[in-house]
């Protein structure tokens, strides 16, 4: 039986990664678009937060390069932040037909992310040392 270590991320299917990245990209575009009429500073800050936080904080085993290790639930929260930003900002900034498509994309992203989130829910901020063989 091939058992997976708790410190090893599940194999990420291509479709889950594609949907997650597409939703993130929409959040990076729609959020500053929605905020620009209120405050250019908020628009710039939103991009810094939406791109910067997930780049800075990540769970060991989920990415090849980890700058600041965090437990899995932080990574899940960062993905949810991106999804919410994409959906809310699309409804504020764009036509309803586009916002509906973004909402469907975000829902599909959640469905495909569930295996990764199950693993992340139990992933520690620092991987346990491997036993010597």
N, C-alpha and C. Protein backbone atom coordinates (compact mmCIF):
# COMPACT_ATOMS: atom_id res chain seq x y z
N UNK A 1 0.84 -1.18 0.00
CA UNK A 1 0.00 0.00 0.00
C UNK A 1 0.89 1.24 0.00
N UNK A 2 0.59 2.17 -0.85
CA UNK A 2 1.38 3.38 -0.96
C UNK A 2 0.76 4.48 -0.13
N UNK A 3 1.30 4.73 1.06
CA UNK A 3 0.75 5.77 1.93
C UNK A 3 1.53 7.05 1.76
N UNK A 4 0.83 8.14 1.80
CA UNK A 4 1.44 9.45 1.62
C UNK A 4 1.75 10.04 2.99
N UNK A 5 2.94 10.60 3.12
CA UNK A 5 3.35 11.27 4.34
C UNK A 5 2.48 12.51 4.54
N UNK A 6 2.24 12.89 5.79
CA UNK A 6 1.46 14.07 6.10
C UNK A 6 2.19 15.34 5.67
N UNK A 7 3.50 15.26 5.47
CA UNK A 7 4.27 16.44 5.07
C UNK A 7 4.38 16.56 3.56
N UNK A 8 3.80 15.65 2.82
CA UNK A 8 3.88 15.65 1.37
C UNK A 8 2.53 16.06 0.78
N UNK A 9 2.55 17.10 -0.04
CA UNK A 9 1.32 17.59 -0.64
C UNK A 9 0.75 16.57 -1.61
N UNK A 10 -0.57 16.51 -1.74
CA UNK A 10 -1.14 15.61 -2.73
C UNK A 10 -0.78 16.08 -4.14
N UNK A 11 -0.77 15.15 -5.05
CA UNK A 11 -0.50 15.52 -6.44
C UNK A 11 -1.60 16.46 -6.90
N UNK A 12 -1.22 17.64 -7.35
CA UNK A 12 -2.22 18.62 -7.75
C UNK A 12 -2.62 18.39 -9.20
N UNK A 13 -3.88 18.09 -9.42
CA UNK A 13 -4.32 17.91 -10.80
C UNK A 13 -4.19 19.23 -11.54
N UNK A 14 -3.88 19.15 -12.81
CA UNK A 14 -3.70 20.34 -13.62
C UNK A 14 -4.90 21.26 -13.64
N UNK A 15 -6.10 20.70 -13.66
CA UNK A 15 -7.30 21.53 -13.74
C UNK A 15 -7.48 22.36 -12.48
N UNK A 16 -7.17 21.80 -11.31
CA UNK A 16 -7.30 22.56 -10.05
C UNK A 16 -6.34 23.74 -10.05
N UNK A 17 -5.11 23.50 -10.45
CA UNK A 17 -4.11 24.57 -10.50
C UNK A 17 -4.51 25.64 -11.51
N UNK A 18 -5.00 25.20 -12.66
CA UNK A 18 -5.42 26.14 -13.70
C UNK A 18 -6.57 27.01 -13.22
N UNK A 19 -7.59 26.39 -12.61
CA UNK A 19 -8.74 27.16 -12.13
C UNK A 19 -8.34 28.13 -11.02
N UNK A 20 -7.49 27.66 -10.11
CA UNK A 20 -7.04 28.52 -9.01
C UNK A 20 -6.27 29.72 -9.56
N UNK A 21 -5.34 29.48 -10.48
CA UNK A 21 -4.57 30.58 -11.04
C UNK A 21 -5.45 31.55 -11.81
N UNK A 22 -6.40 31.03 -12.58
CA UNK A 22 -7.30 31.90 -13.35
C UNK A 22 -8.12 32.78 -12.41
N UNK A 23 -8.61 32.21 -11.33
CA UNK A 23 -9.38 32.99 -10.36
C UNK A 23 -8.50 34.04 -9.68
N UNK A 24 -7.26 33.66 -9.35
CA UNK A 24 -6.33 34.63 -8.76
C UNK A 24 -6.07 35.79 -9.72
N UNK A 25 -5.86 35.46 -10.97
CA UNK A 25 -5.61 36.49 -11.98
C UNK A 25 -6.79 37.45 -12.09
N UNK A 26 -7.99 36.90 -12.06
CA UNK A 26 -9.19 37.75 -12.09
C UNK A 26 -9.23 38.65 -10.86
N UNK A 27 -8.90 38.11 -9.70
CA UNK A 27 -8.88 38.92 -8.47
C UNK A 27 -7.87 40.05 -8.60
N UNK A 28 -6.70 39.76 -9.19
CA UNK A 28 -5.65 40.78 -9.34
C UNK A 28 -6.08 41.90 -10.28
N UNK A 29 -6.95 41.60 -11.23
CA UNK A 29 -7.42 42.61 -12.18
C UNK A 29 -8.69 43.30 -11.68
N UNK A 30 -9.66 42.52 -11.23
CA UNK A 30 -10.97 43.07 -10.87
C UNK A 30 -10.94 43.90 -9.60
N UNK A 31 -10.14 43.50 -8.62
CA UNK A 31 -10.15 44.21 -7.34
C UNK A 31 -9.63 45.64 -7.47
N UNK A 32 -8.46 45.86 -8.08
CA UNK A 32 -8.07 47.27 -8.23
C UNK A 32 -9.00 48.04 -9.16
N UNK A 33 -9.58 47.35 -10.13
CA UNK A 33 -10.54 47.99 -11.03
C UNK A 33 -11.74 48.49 -10.22
N UNK A 34 -12.24 47.65 -9.32
CA UNK A 34 -13.39 48.03 -8.50
C UNK A 34 -13.05 49.13 -7.50
N UNK A 35 -11.81 49.15 -7.03
CA UNK A 35 -11.42 50.13 -6.00
C UNK A 35 -10.89 51.44 -6.57
N UNK A 36 -10.48 51.45 -7.82
CA UNK A 36 -9.82 52.63 -8.40
C UNK A 36 -10.67 53.89 -8.33
N UNK A 37 -11.96 53.77 -8.51
CA UNK A 37 -12.81 54.97 -8.47
C UNK A 37 -12.95 55.52 -7.05
N UNK A 38 -12.72 54.69 -6.05
CA UNK A 38 -12.79 55.14 -4.66
C UNK A 38 -11.46 55.71 -4.20
N UNK A 39 -10.37 54.98 -4.52
CA UNK A 39 -9.06 55.42 -4.08
C UNK A 39 -7.98 54.68 -4.87
N UNK A 40 -7.16 55.41 -5.57
CA UNK A 40 -6.04 54.76 -6.27
C UNK A 40 -5.11 54.05 -5.30
N UNK A 41 -4.98 54.59 -4.11
CA UNK A 41 -4.12 53.96 -3.10
C UNK A 41 -4.66 52.61 -2.68
N UNK A 42 -5.97 52.52 -2.50
CA UNK A 42 -6.58 51.23 -2.17
C UNK A 42 -6.41 50.23 -3.30
N UNK A 43 -6.50 50.71 -4.52
CA UNK A 43 -6.34 49.84 -5.68
C UNK A 43 -4.93 49.23 -5.70
N UNK A 44 -3.93 50.07 -5.48
CA UNK A 44 -2.54 49.59 -5.45
C UNK A 44 -2.32 48.66 -4.26
N UNK A 45 -2.87 49.04 -3.11
CA UNK A 45 -2.72 48.20 -1.91
C UNK A 45 -3.38 46.84 -2.10
N UNK A 46 -4.50 46.80 -2.81
CA UNK A 46 -5.18 45.52 -3.02
C UNK A 46 -4.31 44.56 -3.83
N UNK A 47 -3.62 45.09 -4.83
CA UNK A 47 -2.73 44.24 -5.64
C UNK A 47 -1.58 43.75 -4.78
N UNK A 48 -1.03 44.64 -3.96
CA UNK A 48 0.08 44.24 -3.07
C UNK A 48 -0.36 43.13 -2.12
N UNK A 49 -1.55 43.23 -1.58
CA UNK A 49 -2.06 42.22 -0.65
C UNK A 49 -2.37 40.92 -1.38
N UNK A 50 -3.08 41.01 -2.50
CA UNK A 50 -3.51 39.81 -3.22
C UNK A 50 -2.35 39.02 -3.83
N UNK A 51 -1.30 39.71 -4.22
CA UNK A 51 -0.14 39.02 -4.79
C UNK A 51 0.91 38.77 -3.72
N UNK A 52 1.12 39.76 -2.87
CA UNK A 52 2.20 39.69 -1.89
C UNK A 52 2.03 38.65 -0.80
N UNK A 53 0.85 38.60 -0.19
CA UNK A 53 0.65 37.66 0.92
C UNK A 53 0.84 36.20 0.51
N UNK A 54 0.22 35.74 -0.59
CA UNK A 54 0.45 34.34 -0.97
C UNK A 54 1.88 34.06 -1.43
N UNK A 55 2.56 35.08 -1.91
CA UNK A 55 3.96 34.90 -2.29
C UNK A 55 4.84 34.77 -1.06
N UNK A 56 4.55 35.56 -0.05
CA UNK A 56 5.35 35.57 1.17
C UNK A 56 5.08 34.37 2.06
N UNK A 57 3.81 34.07 2.28
CA UNK A 57 3.41 33.01 3.21
C UNK A 57 2.95 31.77 2.45
N UNK A 58 3.54 30.63 2.77
CA UNK A 58 3.11 29.38 2.15
C UNK A 58 3.42 28.21 3.07
N UNK A 59 2.75 27.11 2.79
CA UNK A 59 2.89 25.90 3.60
C UNK A 59 3.98 25.02 3.00
N UNK A 60 4.94 24.59 3.83
CA UNK A 60 5.98 23.67 3.32
C UNK A 60 5.34 22.42 2.71
N UNK A 61 5.86 22.03 1.57
CA UNK A 61 5.32 20.87 0.86
C UNK A 61 4.30 21.25 -0.18
N UNK A 62 3.75 22.46 -0.09
CA UNK A 62 2.75 22.90 -1.06
C UNK A 62 3.41 23.64 -2.22
N UNK A 63 4.52 24.30 -1.94
CA UNK A 63 5.28 25.02 -2.97
C UNK A 63 6.73 24.57 -2.89
N UNK A 64 7.45 24.77 -3.99
CA UNK A 64 8.87 24.43 -4.01
C UNK A 64 9.69 25.39 -3.15
N UNK A 65 9.30 26.66 -3.15
CA UNK A 65 10.05 27.67 -2.42
C UNK A 65 9.14 28.30 -1.37
N UNK A 66 9.58 28.25 -0.12
CA UNK A 66 8.78 28.80 0.98
C UNK A 66 9.59 29.91 1.64
N UNK A 67 9.06 31.14 1.61
CA UNK A 67 9.75 32.26 2.26
C UNK A 67 9.44 32.28 3.75
N UNK A 68 8.15 32.30 4.09
CA UNK A 68 7.71 32.28 5.49
C UNK A 68 6.77 31.09 5.63
N UNK A 69 7.21 30.04 6.35
CA UNK A 69 6.34 28.87 6.49
C UNK A 69 5.15 29.14 7.41
N UNK A 70 3.99 28.69 6.97
CA UNK A 70 2.77 28.85 7.76
C UNK A 70 2.00 27.53 7.73
N UNK A 71 1.14 27.31 8.73
CA UNK A 71 0.31 26.10 8.70
C UNK A 71 -0.65 26.13 7.51
N UNK A 72 -1.14 24.97 7.15
CA UNK A 72 -2.00 24.83 5.98
C UNK A 72 -3.25 25.68 6.02
N UNK A 73 -3.82 25.88 7.20
CA UNK A 73 -5.06 26.65 7.26
C UNK A 73 -4.83 28.11 6.83
N UNK A 74 -3.62 28.62 6.96
CA UNK A 74 -3.32 29.98 6.49
C UNK A 74 -3.33 30.01 4.96
N UNK A 75 -2.77 28.99 4.34
CA UNK A 75 -2.79 28.90 2.88
C UNK A 75 -4.23 28.79 2.37
N UNK A 76 -5.04 27.99 3.05
CA UNK A 76 -6.46 27.89 2.66
C UNK A 76 -7.13 29.25 2.76
N UNK A 77 -6.87 29.98 3.85
CA UNK A 77 -7.47 31.30 4.04
C UNK A 77 -7.03 32.27 2.95
N UNK A 78 -5.78 32.18 2.52
CA UNK A 78 -5.29 33.05 1.45
C UNK A 78 -5.98 32.75 0.12
N UNK A 79 -6.22 31.48 -0.16
CA UNK A 79 -6.94 31.11 -1.38
C UNK A 79 -8.38 31.60 -1.31
N UNK A 80 -9.01 31.43 -0.16
CA UNK A 80 -10.39 31.91 0.00
C UNK A 80 -10.45 33.42 -0.17
N UNK A 81 -9.45 34.13 0.35
CA UNK A 81 -9.39 35.59 0.18
C UNK A 81 -9.37 35.95 -1.31
N UNK A 82 -8.58 35.22 -2.09
CA UNK A 82 -8.50 35.47 -3.53
C UNK A 82 -9.85 35.20 -4.21
N UNK A 83 -10.49 34.09 -3.83
CA UNK A 83 -11.77 33.74 -4.43
C UNK A 83 -12.83 34.79 -4.13
N UNK A 84 -12.90 35.21 -2.88
CA UNK A 84 -13.89 36.23 -2.49
C UNK A 84 -13.60 37.54 -3.20
N UNK A 85 -12.33 37.92 -3.26
CA UNK A 85 -11.96 39.18 -3.95
C UNK A 85 -12.37 39.12 -5.42
N UNK A 86 -12.14 37.98 -6.07
CA UNK A 86 -12.50 37.85 -7.49
C UNK A 86 -14.00 38.00 -7.68
N UNK A 87 -14.78 37.30 -6.87
CA UNK A 87 -16.24 37.31 -7.05
C UNK A 87 -16.83 38.68 -6.70
N UNK A 88 -16.50 39.20 -5.54
CA UNK A 88 -17.07 40.49 -5.11
C UNK A 88 -16.66 41.60 -6.07
N UNK A 89 -15.38 41.62 -6.42
CA UNK A 89 -14.90 42.68 -7.31
C UNK A 89 -15.51 42.57 -8.70
N UNK A 90 -15.71 41.36 -9.19
CA UNK A 90 -16.35 41.20 -10.50
C UNK A 90 -17.77 41.75 -10.47
N UNK A 91 -18.49 41.51 -9.39
CA UNK A 91 -19.86 42.03 -9.29
C UNK A 91 -19.88 43.55 -9.19
N UNK A 92 -18.86 44.13 -8.56
CA UNK A 92 -18.81 45.59 -8.42
C UNK A 92 -18.35 46.25 -9.72
N UNK A 93 -17.36 45.68 -10.38
CA UNK A 93 -16.70 46.36 -11.48
C UNK A 93 -17.22 46.01 -12.87
N UNK A 94 -17.80 44.84 -13.03
CA UNK A 94 -18.08 44.36 -14.38
C UNK A 94 -19.57 44.09 -14.58
N UNK A 95 -19.92 43.76 -15.79
CA UNK A 95 -21.30 43.44 -16.14
C UNK A 95 -21.75 42.16 -15.41
N UNK A 96 -23.04 42.06 -15.11
CA UNK A 96 -23.54 40.88 -14.42
C UNK A 96 -23.21 39.56 -15.13
N UNK A 97 -23.25 39.54 -16.44
CA UNK A 97 -22.96 38.29 -17.17
C UNK A 97 -21.53 37.83 -16.89
N UNK A 98 -20.60 38.76 -16.85
CA UNK A 98 -19.21 38.41 -16.55
C UNK A 98 -19.07 38.00 -15.09
N UNK A 99 -19.74 38.72 -14.20
CA UNK A 99 -19.69 38.38 -12.78
C UNK A 99 -20.25 36.99 -12.51
N UNK A 100 -21.28 36.60 -13.25
CA UNK A 100 -21.84 35.24 -13.11
C UNK A 100 -20.79 34.21 -13.53
N UNK A 101 -20.09 34.47 -14.63
CA UNK A 101 -19.05 33.53 -15.07
C UNK A 101 -17.92 33.44 -14.05
N UNK A 102 -17.54 34.56 -13.45
CA UNK A 102 -16.51 34.55 -12.42
C UNK A 102 -16.99 33.77 -11.20
N UNK A 103 -18.24 33.92 -10.84
CA UNK A 103 -18.81 33.19 -9.70
C UNK A 103 -18.81 31.69 -9.95
N UNK A 104 -19.16 31.28 -11.16
CA UNK A 104 -19.14 29.86 -11.52
C UNK A 104 -17.70 29.34 -11.49
N UNK A 105 -16.77 30.12 -12.00
CA UNK A 105 -15.35 29.74 -11.96
C UNK A 105 -14.87 29.57 -10.53
N UNK A 106 -15.24 30.49 -9.66
CA UNK A 106 -14.83 30.39 -8.25
C UNK A 106 -15.43 29.15 -7.60
N UNK A 107 -16.67 28.83 -7.90
CA UNK A 107 -17.29 27.62 -7.35
C UNK A 107 -16.58 26.37 -7.85
N UNK A 108 -16.24 26.34 -9.13
CA UNK A 108 -15.51 25.21 -9.69
C UNK A 108 -14.12 25.09 -9.04
N UNK A 109 -13.51 26.23 -8.77
CA UNK A 109 -12.21 26.23 -8.11
C UNK A 109 -12.31 25.60 -6.72
N UNK A 110 -13.34 25.96 -5.98
CA UNK A 110 -13.52 25.38 -4.64
C UNK A 110 -13.66 23.87 -4.73
N UNK A 111 -14.45 23.39 -5.66
CA UNK A 111 -14.67 21.94 -5.81
C UNK A 111 -13.36 21.23 -6.12
N UNK A 112 -12.58 21.79 -7.05
CA UNK A 112 -11.33 21.12 -7.43
C UNK A 112 -10.23 21.29 -6.39
N UNK A 113 -10.36 22.29 -5.53
CA UNK A 113 -9.36 22.53 -4.48
C UNK A 113 -9.56 21.65 -3.25
N UNK A 114 -10.71 21.03 -3.10
CA UNK A 114 -11.02 20.28 -1.87
C UNK A 114 -9.97 19.23 -1.49
N UNK A 115 -9.44 18.42 -2.41
CA UNK A 115 -8.39 17.47 -2.00
C UNK A 115 -7.14 18.17 -1.44
N UNK A 116 -6.76 19.25 -2.08
CA UNK A 116 -5.60 20.01 -1.59
C UNK A 116 -5.90 20.62 -0.23
N UNK A 117 -7.10 21.15 -0.07
CA UNK A 117 -7.47 21.76 1.21
C UNK A 117 -7.53 20.72 2.33
N UNK A 118 -7.96 19.50 2.02
CA UNK A 118 -7.97 18.45 3.05
C UNK A 118 -6.55 18.18 3.54
N UNK A 119 -5.61 18.14 2.59
CA UNK A 119 -4.22 17.95 2.98
C UNK A 119 -3.71 19.16 3.76
N UNK A 120 -3.98 20.37 3.25
CA UNK A 120 -3.51 21.59 3.91
C UNK A 120 -4.08 21.75 5.32
N UNK A 121 -5.29 21.28 5.53
CA UNK A 121 -5.92 21.41 6.85
C UNK A 121 -5.11 20.72 7.95
N UNK A 122 -4.32 19.74 7.56
CA UNK A 122 -3.51 19.01 8.55
C UNK A 122 -2.02 19.28 8.41
N UNK A 123 -1.64 20.12 7.45
CA UNK A 123 -0.22 20.37 7.21
C UNK A 123 0.34 21.35 8.23
N UNK A 124 1.47 20.99 8.85
CA UNK A 124 2.08 21.88 9.84
C UNK A 124 2.88 22.99 9.16
N UNK A 125 3.24 24.01 9.94
CA UNK A 125 4.04 25.11 9.41
C UNK A 125 5.46 24.64 9.12
N UNK A 126 5.93 23.68 9.88
CA UNK A 126 7.26 23.12 9.66
C UNK A 126 7.13 21.61 9.51
N UNK A 127 7.70 21.08 8.44
CA UNK A 127 7.58 19.63 8.24
C UNK A 127 8.31 18.86 9.33
N UNK A 128 7.74 17.70 9.68
CA UNK A 128 8.37 16.85 10.67
C UNK A 128 9.61 16.22 10.06
N UNK A 129 10.69 16.06 10.86
CA UNK A 129 11.89 15.44 10.32
C UNK A 129 11.60 14.00 9.90
N UNK A 130 12.18 13.59 8.80
CA UNK A 130 11.98 12.24 8.30
C UNK A 130 12.84 11.27 9.11
N UNK A 131 12.30 10.11 9.40
CA UNK A 131 13.03 9.10 10.14
C UNK A 131 14.17 8.56 9.25
N UNK A 132 15.29 8.28 9.87
CA UNK A 132 16.40 7.71 9.11
C UNK A 132 16.06 6.29 8.71
N UNK A 133 16.41 5.95 7.50
CA UNK A 133 16.10 4.60 7.00
C UNK A 133 17.35 3.80 6.91
